[in-house]
PDB file of N, CA and C in Angstrom:
ATOM      1  N   MET A   1      86.945 106.375 114.671  1.00  0.00           N
ATOM      2  CA  MET A   1      85.986 107.317 115.188  1.00  0.00           C
ATOM      3  C   MET A   1      86.691 108.647 115.451  1.00  0.00           C
ATOM      4  N   THR A   2      86.028 109.700 115.163  1.00  0.00           N
ATOM      5  CA  THR A   2      86.561 111.021 115.452  1.00  0.00           C
ATOM      6  C   THR A   2      85.565 111.782 116.295  1.00  0.00           C
ATOM      7  N   THR A   3      86.047 112.784 116.993  1.00  0.00           N
ATOM      8  CA  THR A   3      85.170 113.595 117.821  1.00  0.00           C
ATOM      9  C   THR A   3      85.181 115.013 117.286  1.00  0.00           C
ATOM     10  N   THR A   4      84.008 115.568 117.060  1.00  0.00           N
ATOM     11  CA  THR A   4      83.865 116.930 116.574  1.00  0.00           C
ATOM     12  C   THR A   4      82.873 117.655 117.464  1.00  0.00           C
ATOM     13  N   ALA A   5      83.320 118.685 118.154  1.00  0.00           N
ATOM     14  CA  ALA A   5      82.461 119.488 119.030  1.00  0.00           C
ATOM     15  C   ALA A   5      81.670 118.617 120.000  1.00  0.00           C
ATOM     16  N   GLY A   6      82.333 117.597 120.558  1.00  0.00           N
ATOM     17  CA  GLY A   6      81.687 116.744 121.539  1.00  0.00           C
ATOM     18  C   GLY A   6      80.834 115.638 120.954  1.00  0.00           C
ATOM     19  N   THR A   7      80.717 115.551 119.629  1.00  0.00           N
ATOM     20  CA  THR A   7      79.919 114.516 118.993  1.00  0.00           C
ATOM     21  C   THR A   7      80.837 113.512 118.318  1.00  0.00           C
ATOM     22  N   THR A   8      80.689 112.239 118.625  1.00  0.00           N
ATOM     23  CA  THR A   8      81.502 111.207 118.011  1.00  0.00           C
ATOM     24  C   THR A   8      80.846 110.745 116.727  1.00  0.00           C
ATOM     25  N   THR A   9      81.627 110.698 115.669  1.00  0.00           N
ATOM     26  CA  THR A   9      81.100 110.277 114.380  1.00  0.00           C
ATOM     27  C   THR A   9      81.956 109.151 113.821  1.00  0.00           C
ATOM     28  N   ALA A  10      81.360 108.295 113.020  1.00  0.00           N
ATOM     29  CA  ALA A  10      82.076 107.182 112.407  1.00  0.00           C
ATOM     30  C   ALA A  10      82.817 107.663 111.175  1.00  0.00           C
ATOM     31  N   ALA A  11      84.092 107.342 111.090  1.00  0.00           N
ATOM     32  CA  ALA A  11      84.936 107.617 109.932  1.00  0.00           C
ATOM     33  C   ALA A  11      84.924 109.072 109.510  1.00  0.00           C
ATOM     34  N   GLY A  12      84.678 109.981 110.431  1.00  0.00           N
ATOM     35  CA  GLY A  12      84.770 111.395 110.149  1.00  0.00           C
ATOM     36  C   GLY A  12      83.564 112.015 109.462  1.00  0.00           C
ATOM     37  N   THR A  13      82.475 111.299 109.291  1.00  0.00           N
ATOM     38  CA  THR A  13      81.282 111.886 108.685  1.00  0.00           C
ATOM     39  C   THR A  13      80.425 112.525 109.763  1.00  0.00           C
ATOM     40  N   THR A  14      79.633 113.504 109.391  1.00  0.00           N
ATOM     41  CA  THR A  14      78.816 114.202 110.378  1.00  0.00           C
ATOM     42  C   THR A  14      77.501 113.493 110.672  1.00  0.00           C
ATOM     43  N   ASP A  15      77.066 112.598 109.792  1.00  0.00           N
ATOM     44  CA  ASP A  15      75.786 111.919 110.029  1.00  0.00           C
ATOM     45  C   ASP A  15      75.948 110.522 110.622  1.00  0.00           C
ATOM     46  N   GLY A  16      77.186 110.126 110.958  1.00  0.00           N
ATOM     47  CA  GLY A  16      77.413 108.829 111.591  1.00  0.00           C
ATOM     48  C   GLY A  16      77.548 107.662 110.631  1.00  0.00           C
ATOM     49  N   THR A  17      77.454 107.904 109.332  1.00  0.00           N
ATOM     50  CA  THR A  17      77.634 106.813 108.375  1.00  0.00           C
ATOM     51  C   THR A  17      79.119 106.604 108.105  1.00  0.00           C
ATOM     52  N   LEU A  18      79.455 105.428 107.674  1.00  0.00           N
ATOM     53  CA  LEU A  18      80.847 105.125 107.370  1.00  0.00           C
ATOM     54  C   LEU A  18      81.214 105.620 105.987  1.00  0.00           C
ATOM     55  N   ARG A  19      82.384 106.188 105.881  1.00  0.00           N
ATOM     56  CA  ARG A  19      82.908 106.649 104.609  1.00  0.00           C
ATOM     57  C   ARG A  19      83.400 105.440 103.805  1.00  0.00           C
ATOM     58  N   TRP A  20      83.201 105.452 102.482  1.00  0.00           N
ATOM     59  CA  TRP A  20      83.636 104.353 101.633  1.00  0.00           C
ATOM     60  C   TRP A  20      85.148 104.258 101.644  1.00  0.00           C
ATOM     61  N   GLN A  21      85.658 103.027 101.740  1.00  0.00           N
ATOM     62  CA  GLN A  21      87.082 102.780 101.659  1.00  0.00           C
ATOM     63  C   GLN A  21      87.332 101.732 100.590  1.00  0.00           C
ATOM     64  N   ASP A  22      88.421 101.900  99.876  1.00  0.00           N
ATOM     65  CA  ASP A  22      88.817 100.925  98.862  1.00  0.00           C
ATOM     66  C   ASP A  22      89.147  99.614  99.570  1.00  0.00           C
ATOM     67  N   PRO A  23      88.488  98.500  99.201  1.00  0.00           N
ATOM     68  CA  PRO A  23      88.725  97.225  99.886  1.00  0.00           C
ATOM     69  C   PRO A  23      90.166  96.751  99.794  1.00  0.00           C
ATOM     70  N   ARG A  24      90.899  97.218  98.797  1.00  0.00           N
ATOM     71  CA  ARG A  24      92.306  96.823  98.673  1.00  0.00           C
ATOM     72  C   ARG A  24      93.163  97.479  99.744  1.00  0.00           C
ATOM     73  N   GLU A  25      92.633  98.512 100.388  1.00  0.00           N
ATOM     74  CA  GLU A  25      93.389  99.214 101.415  1.00  0.00           C
ATOM     75  C   GLU A  25      92.994  98.804 102.832  1.00  0.00           C
ATOM     76  N   LEU A  26      92.052  97.898 102.974  1.00  0.00           N
ATOM     77  CA  LEU A  26      91.617  97.432 104.288  1.00  0.00           C
ATOM     78  C   LEU A  26      92.572  96.334 104.743  1.00  0.00           C
ATOM     79  N   THR A  27      93.633  96.732 105.415  1.00  0.00           N
ATOM     80  CA  THR A  27      94.657  95.781 105.811  1.00  0.00           C
ATOM     81  C   THR A  27      94.722  95.639 107.316  1.00  0.00           C
ATOM     82  N   ASP A  28      95.258  94.535 107.733  1.00  0.00           N
ATOM     83  CA  ASP A  28      95.444  94.208 109.130  1.00  0.00           C
ATOM     84  C   ASP A  28      96.877  93.716 109.271  1.00  0.00           C
ATOM     85  N   VAL A  29      97.410  93.750 110.463  1.00  0.00           N
ATOM     86  CA  VAL A  29      98.765  93.279 110.721  1.00  0.00           C
ATOM     87  C   VAL A  29      98.672  92.061 111.619  1.00  0.00           C
ATOM     88  N   GLY A  30      99.487  91.059 111.325  1.00  0.00           N
ATOM     89  CA  GLY A  30      99.509  89.855 112.134  1.00  0.00           C
ATOM     90  C   GLY A  30     100.918  89.320 112.259  1.00  0.00           C
ATOM     91  N   VAL A  31     101.065  88.294 113.085  1.00  0.00           N
ATOM     92  CA  VAL A  31     102.348  87.621 113.234  1.00  0.00           C
ATOM     93  C   VAL A  31     102.150  86.178 112.825  1.00  0.00           C
ATOM     94  N   LEU A  32     102.936  85.756 111.834  1.00  0.00           N
ATOM     95  CA  LEU A  32     102.913  84.377 111.372  1.00  0.00           C
ATOM     96  C   LEU A  32     103.872  83.582 112.243  1.00  0.00           C
ATOM     97  N   LEU A  33     103.316  82.616 112.971  1.00  0.00           N
ATOM     98  CA  LEU A  33     104.113  81.807 113.885  1.00  0.00           C
ATOM     99  C   LEU A  33     104.877  80.738 113.117  1.00  0.00           C
ATOM    100  N   THR A  34     105.811  80.099 113.766  1.00  0.00           N
ATOM    101  CA  THR A  34     106.632  79.079 113.100  1.00  0.00           C
ATOM    102  C   THR A  34     105.837  77.853 112.684  1.00  0.00           C
ATOM    103  N   ASN A  35     104.670  77.634 113.295  1.00  0.00           N
ATOM    104  CA  ASN A  35     103.838  76.488 112.915  1.00  0.00           C
ATOM    105  C   ASN A  35     102.933  76.799 111.724  1.00  0.00           C
ATOM    106  N   GLY A  36     103.090  78.002 111.126  1.00  0.00           N
ATOM    107  CA  GLY A  36     102.303  78.368 109.957  1.00  0.00           C
ATOM    108  C   GLY A  36     100.969  79.021 110.259  1.00  0.00           C
ATOM    109  N   ARG A  37     100.643  79.206 111.511  1.00  0.00           N
ATOM    110  CA  ARG A  37      99.378  79.836 111.908  1.00  0.00           C
ATOM    111  C   ARG A  37      99.623  81.275 112.329  1.00  0.00           C
ATOM    112  N   LEU A  38      98.556  82.069 112.250  1.00  0.00           N
ATOM    113  CA  LEU A  38      98.643  83.436 112.730  1.00  0.00           C
ATOM    114  C   LEU A  38      98.499  83.467 114.246  1.00  0.00           C
ATOM    115  N   ALA A  39      99.194  84.398 114.881  1.00  0.00           N
ATOM    116  CA  ALA A  39      99.072  84.560 116.327  1.00  0.00           C
ATOM    117  C   ALA A  39      97.623  84.878 116.666  1.00  0.00           C
ATOM    118  N   PRO A  40      97.102  84.301 117.740  1.00  0.00           N
ATOM    119  CA  PRO A  40      95.688  84.492 118.092  1.00  0.00           C
ATOM    120  C   PRO A  40      95.425  85.804 118.827  1.00  0.00           C
ATOM    121  N   ARG A  41      95.855  86.905 118.234  1.00  0.00           N
ATOM    122  CA  ARG A  41      95.607  88.219 118.818  1.00  0.00           C
ATOM    123  C   ARG A  41      95.650  89.266 117.723  1.00  0.00           C
ATOM    124  N   ARG A  42      95.132  90.444 118.030  1.00  0.00           N
ATOM    125  CA  ARG A  42      95.118  91.566 117.079  1.00  0.00           C
ATOM    126  C   ARG A  42      96.166  92.581 117.498  1.00  0.00           C
ATOM    127  N   PHE A  43      96.711  93.257 116.509  1.00  0.00           N
ATOM    128  CA  PHE A  43      97.719  94.279 116.754  1.00  0.00           C
ATOM    129  C   PHE A  43      97.194  95.613 116.235  1.00  0.00           C
ATOM    130  N   ALA A  44      97.391  96.662 117.014  1.00  0.00           N
ATOM    131  CA  ALA A  44      96.903  97.984 116.633  1.00  0.00           C
ATOM    132  C   ALA A  44      97.752  98.619 115.550  1.00  0.00           C
ATOM    133  N   SER A  45      99.007  98.179 115.432  1.00  0.00           N
ATOM    134  CA  SER A  45      99.898  98.794 114.454  1.00  0.00           C
ATOM    135  C   SER A  45     100.979  97.811 114.041  1.00  0.00           C
ATOM    136  N   LEU A  46     101.665  98.170 112.974  1.00  0.00           N
ATOM    137  CA  LEU A  46     102.799  97.378 112.502  1.00  0.00           C
ATOM    138  C   LEU A  46     103.894  97.368 113.561  1.00  0.00           C
ATOM    139  N   ALA A  47     104.131  98.505 114.198  1.00  0.00           N
ATOM    140  CA  ALA A  47     105.161  98.605 115.232  1.00  0.00           C
ATOM    141  C   ALA A  47     104.852  97.690 116.418  1.00  0.00           C
ATOM    142  N   GLU A  48     103.583  97.596 116.795  1.00  0.00           N
ATOM    143  CA  GLU A  48     103.205  96.721 117.913  1.00  0.00           C
ATOM    144  C   GLU A  48     103.454  95.261 117.557  1.00  0.00           C
ATOM    145  N   ALA A  49     103.115  94.879 116.341  1.00  0.00           N
ATOM    146  CA  ALA A  49     103.349  93.497 115.904  1.00  0.00           C
ATOM    147  C   ALA A  49     104.834  93.189 115.840  1.00  0.00           C
ATOM    148  N   GLN A  50     105.626  94.137 115.374  1.00  0.00           N
ATOM    149  CA  GLN A  50     107.070  93.930 115.294  1.00  0.00           C
ATOM    150  C   GLN A  50     107.687  93.792 116.685  1.00  0.00           C
ATOM    151  N   ALA A  51     107.171  94.542 117.645  1.00  0.00           N
ATOM    152  CA  ALA A  51     107.669  94.446 119.012  1.00  0.00           C
ATOM    153  C   ALA A  51     107.293  93.117 119.652  1.00  0.00           C
ATOM    154  N   TRP A  52     106.155  92.556 119.279  1.00  0.00           N
ATOM    155  CA  TRP A  52     105.666  91.300 119.869  1.00  0.00           C
ATOM    156  C   TRP A  52     106.310  90.073 119.229  1.00  0.00           C
ATOM    157  N   ALA A  53     106.574  90.141 117.929  1.00  0.00           N
ATOM    158  CA  ALA A  53     107.103  88.980 117.188  1.00  0.00           C
ATOM    159  C   ALA A  53     108.526  88.641 117.638  1.00  0.00           C
ATOM    160  N   ARG A  54     108.861  87.372 117.463  1.00  0.00           N
ATOM    161  CA  ARG A  54     110.207  86.897 117.757  1.00  0.00           C
ATOM    162  C   ARG A  54     110.853  86.410 116.462  1.00  0.00           C
ATOM    163  N   PRO A  55     111.458  87.321 115.692  1.00  0.00           N
ATOM    164  CA  PRO A  55     112.051  86.924 114.410  1.00  0.00           C
ATOM    165  C   PRO A  55     113.177  85.911 114.570  1.00  0.00           C
ATOM    166  N   ASP A  56     113.883  85.945 115.699  1.00  0.00           N
ATOM    167  CA  ASP A  56     114.952  84.977 115.931  1.00  0.00           C
ATOM    168  C   ASP A  56     114.412  83.560 116.088  1.00  0.00           C
ATOM    169  N   ALA A  57     113.119  83.433 116.409  1.00  0.00           N
ATOM    170  CA  ALA A  57     112.474  82.124 116.533  1.00  0.00           C
ATOM    171  C   ALA A  57     111.740  81.741 115.249  1.00  0.00           C
ATOM    172  N   GLY A  58     111.860  82.579 114.198  1.00  0.00           N
ATOM    173  CA  GLY A  58     111.233  82.267 112.920  1.00  0.00           C
ATOM    174  C   GLY A  58     109.872  82.897 112.697  1.00  0.00           C
ATOM    175  N   GLU A  59     109.407  83.741 113.617  1.00  0.00           N
ATOM    176  CA  GLU A  59     108.111  84.397 113.442  1.00  0.00           C
ATOM    177  C   GLU A  59     108.264  85.579 112.493  1.00  0.00           C
ATOM    178  N   GLN A  60     107.210  85.840 111.707  1.00  0.00           N
ATOM    179  CA  GLN A  60     107.235  86.905 110.715  1.00  0.00           C
ATOM    180  C   GLN A  60     106.035  87.826 110.888  1.00  0.00           C
ATOM    181  N   VAL A  61     106.271  89.124 110.757  1.00  0.00           N
ATOM    182  CA  VAL A  61     105.179  90.090 110.752  1.00  0.00           C
ATOM    183  C   VAL A  61     104.638  90.147 109.329  1.00  0.00           C
ATOM    184  N   VAL A  62     103.310  90.017 109.176  1.00  0.00           N
ATOM    185  CA  VAL A  62     102.682  90.015 107.861  1.00  0.00           C
ATOM    186  C   VAL A  62     101.536  91.016 107.839  1.00  0.00           C
ATOM    187  N   GLU A  63     101.269  91.552 106.653  1.00  0.00           N
ATOM    188  CA  GLU A  63     100.108  92.404 106.446  1.00  0.00           C
ATOM    189  C   GLU A  63      99.090  91.591 105.674  1.00  0.00           C
ATOM    190  N   LEU A  64      97.834  91.647 106.108  1.00  0.00           N
ATOM    191  CA  LEU A  64      96.769  90.863 105.510  1.00  0.00           C
ATOM    192  C   LEU A  64      95.673  91.772 105.000  1.00  0.00           C
ATOM    193  N   ASN A  65      95.072  91.390 103.899  1.00  0.00           N
ATOM    194  CA  ASN A  65      93.911  92.105 103.393  1.00  0.00           C
ATOM    195  C   ASN A  65      92.718  91.583 104.159  1.00  0.00           C
ATOM    196  N   THR A  66      91.983  92.463 104.847  1.00  0.00           N
ATOM    197  CA  THR A  66      90.879  92.018 105.698  1.00  0.00           C
ATOM    198  C   THR A  66      89.655  91.569 104.923  1.00  0.00           C
ATOM    199  N   VAL A  67      89.605  91.868 103.628  1.00  0.00           N
ATOM    200  CA  VAL A  67      88.475  91.437 102.817  1.00  0.00           C
ATOM    201  C   VAL A  67      88.663  89.999 102.368  1.00  0.00           C
ATOM    202  N   CYS A  68      89.841  89.681 101.842  1.00  0.00           N
ATOM    203  CA  CYS A  68      90.061  88.335 101.316  1.00  0.00           C
ATOM    204  C   CYS A  68      90.941  87.488 102.218  1.00  0.00           C
ATOM    205  N   GLN A  69      91.488  88.083 103.296  1.00  0.00           N
ATOM    206  CA  GLN A  69      92.382  87.381 104.222  1.00  0.00           C
ATOM    207  C   GLN A  69      93.570  86.749 103.502  1.00  0.00           C
ATOM    208  N   CYS A  70      94.154  87.478 102.581  1.00  0.00           N
ATOM    209  CA  CYS A  70      95.308  86.999 101.853  1.00  0.00           C
ATOM    210  C   CYS A  70      96.525  87.869 102.170  1.00  0.00           C
ATOM    211  N   ASP A  71      97.704  87.289 102.059  1.00  0.00           N
ATOM    212  CA  ASP A  71      98.925  88.052 102.301  1.00  0.00           C
ATOM    213  C   ASP A  71      99.099  89.100 101.221  1.00  0.00           C
ATOM    214  N   LEU A  72      99.665  90.240 101.591  1.00  0.00           N
ATOM    215  CA  LEU A  72      99.945  91.300 100.629  1.00  0.00           C
ATOM    216  C   LEU A  72     101.337  91.148 100.094  1.00  0.00           C
TER     217      LEU A  72
END
């Protein structure tokens, strides 16, 4: 969301509609736990996930495609 002259708009459009995005670029960041499952939380950024993960315990930061939920 962006704010323009006091008006909040979705994805930077002036009429509130969402701008088209390439589905291949809709990614999310997660932490793959040692048991093979994703951590049950969302991360705002790659840096936040890296700070939360414990690589010494075998956890891995992964990027996921939010459309197909597959590893990149």
